[in-house]
Structures are given as C-alpha cells and as structure tokens.
N, C-alpha and C. Protein backbone atom coordinates (compact mmCIF):
# COMPACT_ATOMS: atom_id res chain seq x y z
N GLY A 1 -4.47 -32.87 15.55
CA GLY A 1 -5.62 -32.51 16.33
C GLY A 1 -5.55 -31.06 16.79
N ASN A 2 -6.33 -30.74 17.81
CA ASN A 2 -6.40 -29.37 18.31
C ASN A 2 -5.57 -29.17 19.57
N ASN A 3 -4.62 -30.06 19.79
CA ASN A 3 -3.80 -29.93 21.00
C ASN A 3 -2.70 -28.89 20.81
N VAL A 4 -2.10 -28.48 21.92
CA VAL A 4 -1.00 -27.52 21.88
C VAL A 4 0.22 -28.21 21.30
N VAL A 5 0.92 -27.52 20.40
CA VAL A 5 2.13 -28.09 19.82
C VAL A 5 3.23 -28.00 20.87
N PRO A 6 3.86 -29.12 21.23
CA PRO A 6 4.87 -29.08 22.28
C PRO A 6 6.20 -28.54 21.77
N ASN A 7 7.05 -28.17 22.69
CA ASN A 7 8.42 -27.74 22.40
C ASN A 7 8.49 -26.54 21.46
N VAL A 8 7.69 -25.54 21.72
CA VAL A 8 7.79 -24.32 20.93
C VAL A 8 8.85 -23.46 21.61
N HIS A 9 9.90 -23.15 20.88
CA HIS A 9 10.99 -22.36 21.46
C HIS A 9 10.83 -20.91 21.04
N PHE A 10 10.40 -20.08 21.97
CA PHE A 10 10.26 -18.67 21.67
C PHE A 10 11.62 -18.01 21.84
N ARG A 11 12.51 -18.29 20.88
CA ARG A 11 13.88 -17.85 21.04
C ARG A 11 14.04 -16.34 20.88
N LYS A 12 13.17 -15.73 20.08
CA LYS A 12 13.41 -14.34 19.74
C LYS A 12 12.66 -13.36 20.62
N VAL A 13 12.04 -13.85 21.67
CA VAL A 13 11.35 -12.96 22.58
C VAL A 13 12.40 -12.31 23.47
N ASN A 14 12.32 -11.01 23.62
CA ASN A 14 13.31 -10.28 24.41
C ASN A 14 13.33 -10.79 25.85
N GLY A 15 14.52 -11.09 26.35
CA GLY A 15 14.67 -11.47 27.74
C GLY A 15 14.67 -12.96 27.97
N MET A 16 14.59 -13.79 26.91
CA MET A 16 14.55 -15.23 27.12
C MET A 16 15.94 -15.82 27.34
N GLN A 17 16.99 -15.16 26.84
CA GLN A 17 18.33 -15.68 27.06
C GLN A 17 18.82 -15.26 28.44
N ALA A 18 19.84 -15.97 28.90
CA ALA A 18 20.34 -15.70 30.25
C ALA A 18 21.24 -14.47 30.26
N GLY A 19 21.17 -13.73 31.33
CA GLY A 19 22.09 -12.62 31.56
C GLY A 19 21.98 -11.52 30.53
N ARG A 20 23.16 -10.97 30.16
CA ARG A 20 23.13 -9.82 29.25
C ARG A 20 23.03 -10.24 27.80
N LYS A 21 22.96 -11.55 27.52
CA LYS A 21 22.82 -12.02 26.14
C LYS A 21 21.39 -11.92 25.62
N ASN A 22 20.47 -11.41 26.44
CA ASN A 22 19.08 -11.42 26.05
C ASN A 22 18.78 -10.46 24.90
N ARG A 23 19.76 -9.67 24.47
CA ARG A 23 19.53 -8.76 23.35
C ARG A 23 20.12 -9.29 22.05
N VAL A 24 20.72 -10.49 22.09
CA VAL A 24 21.41 -11.02 20.93
C VAL A 24 20.44 -11.25 19.77
N MET A 25 19.25 -11.77 20.08
CA MET A 25 18.32 -12.14 19.01
C MET A 25 17.34 -11.04 18.65
N MET A 26 17.45 -9.86 19.27
CA MET A 26 16.51 -8.79 18.98
C MET A 26 16.76 -8.24 17.59
N ARG A 27 15.67 -7.99 16.88
CA ARG A 27 15.77 -7.43 15.53
C ARG A 27 15.92 -5.92 15.66
N THR A 28 16.99 -5.39 15.11
CA THR A 28 17.20 -3.95 15.19
C THR A 28 16.60 -3.26 13.97
N TRP A 29 16.37 -1.98 14.12
CA TRP A 29 15.81 -1.18 13.03
C TRP A 29 16.80 -0.08 12.64
N LEU A 30 18.08 -0.41 12.67
CA LEU A 30 19.09 0.59 12.38
C LEU A 30 19.05 1.02 10.92
N ASP A 31 18.44 0.19 10.06
CA ASP A 31 18.39 0.52 8.63
C ASP A 31 17.06 1.20 8.25
N GLN A 32 16.32 1.67 9.26
CA GLN A 32 15.00 2.23 8.98
C GLN A 32 15.09 3.43 8.04
N ALA A 33 16.01 4.34 8.31
CA ALA A 33 16.13 5.54 7.47
C ALA A 33 16.58 5.16 6.07
N GLY A 34 17.48 4.18 5.97
CA GLY A 34 17.96 3.74 4.65
C GLY A 34 16.85 3.09 3.84
N ARG A 35 16.03 2.28 4.51
CA ARG A 35 14.90 1.64 3.81
C ARG A 35 13.92 2.69 3.31
N LYS A 36 13.67 3.70 4.16
CA LYS A 36 12.75 4.76 3.78
C LYS A 36 13.24 5.46 2.54
N LYS A 37 14.55 5.75 2.51
CA LYS A 37 15.15 6.44 1.36
C LYS A 37 15.05 5.57 0.11
N ARG A 38 15.34 4.25 0.26
CA ARG A 38 15.30 3.34 -0.88
C ARG A 38 13.89 3.24 -1.44
N ARG A 39 12.89 3.12 -0.57
CA ARG A 39 11.50 3.06 -1.03
C ARG A 39 11.11 4.33 -1.78
N SER A 40 11.53 5.47 -1.23
CA SER A 40 11.23 6.76 -1.86
C SER A 40 11.87 6.84 -3.24
N ASN A 41 13.14 6.44 -3.34
CA ASN A 41 13.84 6.46 -4.63
C ASN A 41 13.18 5.52 -5.63
N ASN A 42 12.76 4.34 -5.17
CA ASN A 42 12.10 3.39 -6.05
C ASN A 42 10.78 3.94 -6.58
N ARG A 43 10.02 4.62 -5.70
CA ARG A 43 8.76 5.23 -6.14
C ARG A 43 9.00 6.29 -7.19
N LYS A 44 10.04 7.12 -6.96
CA LYS A 44 10.35 8.18 -7.93
C LYS A 44 10.80 7.59 -9.27
N ALA A 45 11.60 6.53 -9.21
CA ALA A 45 12.08 5.89 -10.44
C ALA A 45 10.91 5.28 -11.21
N LYS A 46 9.98 4.66 -10.48
CA LYS A 46 8.81 4.06 -11.13
C LYS A 46 7.95 5.14 -11.79
N ALA A 47 7.76 6.26 -11.08
CA ALA A 47 6.96 7.35 -11.63
C ALA A 47 7.62 7.91 -12.88
N ALA A 48 8.95 8.02 -12.87
CA ALA A 48 9.66 8.55 -14.04
C ALA A 48 9.56 7.58 -15.21
N LYS A 49 9.63 6.27 -14.91
CA LYS A 49 9.57 5.26 -15.96
C LYS A 49 8.18 5.25 -16.64
N LEU A 50 7.13 5.44 -15.84
CA LEU A 50 5.77 5.39 -16.36
C LEU A 50 5.30 6.75 -16.87
N PHE A 51 6.21 7.72 -16.95
CA PHE A 51 5.88 9.14 -16.89
C PHE A 51 4.53 9.60 -17.41
N PRO A 52 4.16 9.46 -18.67
CA PRO A 52 2.90 10.12 -19.01
C PRO A 52 1.71 9.51 -18.27
N ARG A 53 1.85 8.24 -17.86
CA ARG A 53 0.75 7.59 -17.15
C ARG A 53 0.84 7.88 -15.66
N PRO A 54 -0.26 7.80 -14.92
CA PRO A 54 -0.22 8.04 -13.47
C PRO A 54 0.52 6.92 -12.75
N ALA A 55 1.41 7.28 -11.84
CA ALA A 55 2.22 6.28 -11.15
C ALA A 55 1.42 5.51 -10.10
N ALA A 56 0.36 6.11 -9.59
CA ALA A 56 -0.42 5.47 -8.53
C ALA A 56 -1.42 4.48 -9.08
N GLY A 57 -1.32 4.12 -10.34
CA GLY A 57 -2.26 3.18 -10.91
C GLY A 57 -3.25 3.91 -11.80
N LEU A 58 -4.36 3.26 -12.08
CA LEU A 58 -5.35 3.82 -12.99
C LEU A 58 -6.07 5.00 -12.36
N LEU A 59 -6.51 5.93 -13.21
CA LEU A 59 -7.27 7.08 -12.72
C LEU A 59 -8.65 6.61 -12.26
N ARG A 60 -9.07 7.15 -11.11
CA ARG A 60 -10.37 6.77 -10.58
C ARG A 60 -11.10 8.01 -10.11
N PRO A 61 -12.42 8.05 -10.27
CA PRO A 61 -13.17 9.24 -9.86
C PRO A 61 -13.32 9.30 -8.34
N VAL A 62 -13.51 10.51 -7.85
CA VAL A 62 -13.80 10.71 -6.43
C VAL A 62 -15.30 10.72 -6.28
N VAL A 63 -15.83 9.87 -5.38
CA VAL A 63 -17.28 9.75 -5.23
C VAL A 63 -17.66 9.83 -3.75
N HIS A 64 -18.94 10.08 -3.50
CA HIS A 64 -19.49 10.01 -2.15
C HIS A 64 -19.99 8.59 -1.92
N PRO A 65 -19.60 7.94 -0.83
CA PRO A 65 -20.10 6.58 -0.56
C PRO A 65 -21.60 6.59 -0.27
N PRO A 66 -22.26 5.44 -0.41
CA PRO A 66 -23.68 5.38 -0.08
C PRO A 66 -23.89 5.35 1.44
N THR A 67 -25.10 5.39 1.88
CA THR A 67 -25.57 5.32 3.27
C THR A 67 -25.26 6.59 4.05
N GLN A 68 -26.15 6.88 4.99
CA GLN A 68 -26.05 8.11 5.77
C GLN A 68 -24.76 8.18 6.57
N ARG A 69 -24.28 7.04 6.99
CA ARG A 69 -23.10 7.05 7.86
C ARG A 69 -21.87 7.61 7.15
N TYR A 70 -21.70 7.29 5.87
CA TYR A 70 -20.47 7.65 5.17
C TYR A 70 -20.63 8.70 4.09
N ASN A 71 -21.87 9.12 3.77
CA ASN A 71 -22.03 9.93 2.57
C ASN A 71 -21.48 11.35 2.67
N MET A 72 -20.99 11.77 3.83
CA MET A 72 -20.36 13.09 3.91
C MET A 72 -18.87 12.99 3.55
N LYS A 73 -18.36 11.78 3.47
CA LYS A 73 -16.95 11.58 3.14
C LYS A 73 -16.75 11.38 1.64
N LEU A 74 -15.51 11.31 1.22
CA LEU A 74 -15.19 11.05 -0.18
C LEU A 74 -14.30 9.82 -0.25
N ARG A 75 -14.44 9.04 -1.32
CA ARG A 75 -13.55 7.91 -1.55
C ARG A 75 -13.36 7.74 -3.05
N LEU A 76 -12.43 6.86 -3.44
CA LEU A 76 -12.19 6.60 -4.85
C LEU A 76 -13.26 5.66 -5.39
N GLY A 77 -13.78 5.97 -6.55
CA GLY A 77 -14.79 5.13 -7.17
C GLY A 77 -14.15 4.06 -8.04
N LYS A 78 -14.97 3.34 -8.79
CA LYS A 78 -14.49 2.25 -9.64
C LYS A 78 -14.01 2.73 -11.00
N GLY A 79 -14.65 3.72 -11.56
CA GLY A 79 -14.26 4.20 -12.88
C GLY A 79 -15.20 5.29 -13.36
N PHE A 80 -14.86 5.88 -14.50
CA PHE A 80 -15.67 6.97 -15.04
C PHE A 80 -16.77 6.41 -15.95
N THR A 81 -17.90 7.11 -15.99
CA THR A 81 -18.97 6.70 -16.89
C THR A 81 -18.67 7.19 -18.30
N LEU A 82 -19.34 6.62 -19.28
CA LEU A 82 -19.14 7.03 -20.67
C LEU A 82 -19.54 8.49 -20.86
N ASP A 83 -20.57 8.95 -20.13
CA ASP A 83 -20.99 10.35 -20.24
C ASP A 83 -19.89 11.28 -19.74
N GLU A 84 -19.26 10.90 -18.63
CA GLU A 84 -18.17 11.73 -18.09
C GLU A 84 -17.00 11.77 -19.06
N LEU A 85 -16.69 10.64 -19.68
CA LEU A 85 -15.61 10.60 -20.66
C LEU A 85 -15.94 11.48 -21.87
N LYS A 86 -17.19 11.42 -22.30
CA LYS A 86 -17.61 12.20 -23.46
C LYS A 86 -17.48 13.70 -23.15
N GLU A 87 -17.85 14.07 -21.92
CA GLU A 87 -17.77 15.47 -21.52
C GLU A 87 -16.32 15.94 -21.45
N ALA A 88 -15.42 15.04 -21.06
CA ALA A 88 -13.99 15.38 -20.97
C ALA A 88 -13.28 15.20 -22.31
N LYS A 89 -14.03 14.76 -23.34
CA LYS A 89 -13.47 14.55 -24.68
C LYS A 89 -12.33 13.53 -24.68
N ILE A 90 -12.54 12.44 -23.96
CA ILE A 90 -11.56 11.35 -23.91
C ILE A 90 -12.17 10.14 -24.62
N PRO A 91 -11.50 9.61 -25.67
CA PRO A 91 -12.05 8.44 -26.37
C PRO A 91 -12.14 7.22 -25.45
N ARG A 92 -13.13 6.39 -25.72
CA ARG A 92 -13.37 5.23 -24.85
C ARG A 92 -12.18 4.28 -24.81
N LYS A 93 -11.56 4.01 -25.96
CA LYS A 93 -10.43 3.08 -25.99
C LYS A 93 -9.21 3.65 -25.29
N PHE A 94 -8.98 4.96 -25.45
CA PHE A 94 -7.85 5.59 -24.78
C PHE A 94 -8.07 5.61 -23.27
N ALA A 95 -9.32 5.76 -22.85
CA ALA A 95 -9.62 5.82 -21.41
C ALA A 95 -9.23 4.51 -20.73
N LYS A 96 -9.35 3.39 -21.44
CA LYS A 96 -8.99 2.11 -20.83
C LYS A 96 -7.51 2.03 -20.49
N THR A 97 -6.67 2.76 -21.24
CA THR A 97 -5.23 2.69 -20.99
C THR A 97 -4.81 3.54 -19.80
N ILE A 98 -5.62 4.54 -19.43
CA ILE A 98 -5.25 5.41 -18.31
C ILE A 98 -6.15 5.22 -17.11
N GLY A 99 -7.17 4.39 -17.23
CA GLY A 99 -8.07 4.18 -16.10
C GLY A 99 -9.42 3.92 -16.63
C-alpha cells in the first residue's frame, strides 16, 4: 500500500552513531583526484583508439534553435543535409560512418 515502510535504518547519515564513531560510515572522496586522472586517461585512450573518427561521437551541425526565446543561442543539430554534404564534397555513404 501507500503506508510508510517501517524500520528504515538511516545508517549512513552523518551523526547517527553514538559519540565519535559518527564518522565511521561517511563516504570519503580521497580518491577524487585519482578518479579524475583515470577518467582523463580513459578518454585520451579512447580518442587514440578511434583516431581518424571523432571521439565525441558522430559529427553534428551547429544550428540555431527555433522560437524567439532560444534562437539567439546555438546547439547541436541532428545531422547534415544532403545539400551540405554535396557542398563539402562528402559522399553520402561515407557521411554515415562519421555522422
């Protein structure tokens, strides 16, 4: 039903344990710098592995959004038109592999 679930133990909330043990269950972020470095290295390795292709995914055009509220900004569009591809001299089948 919609009743409150009984016996919920909020064990990991800071200060719930008695005395100075209240920090035992706190999640530390001592590995924050290491995680940042690992993520950065993984991104670089992925970019090197995919090299000729863009690492950030498929290529997408920059477009102005519709409506007066947003049309002064820029955002990524869905894809290039066939006319744009023709102007850039990119074959249609090859364009599918890069975006």
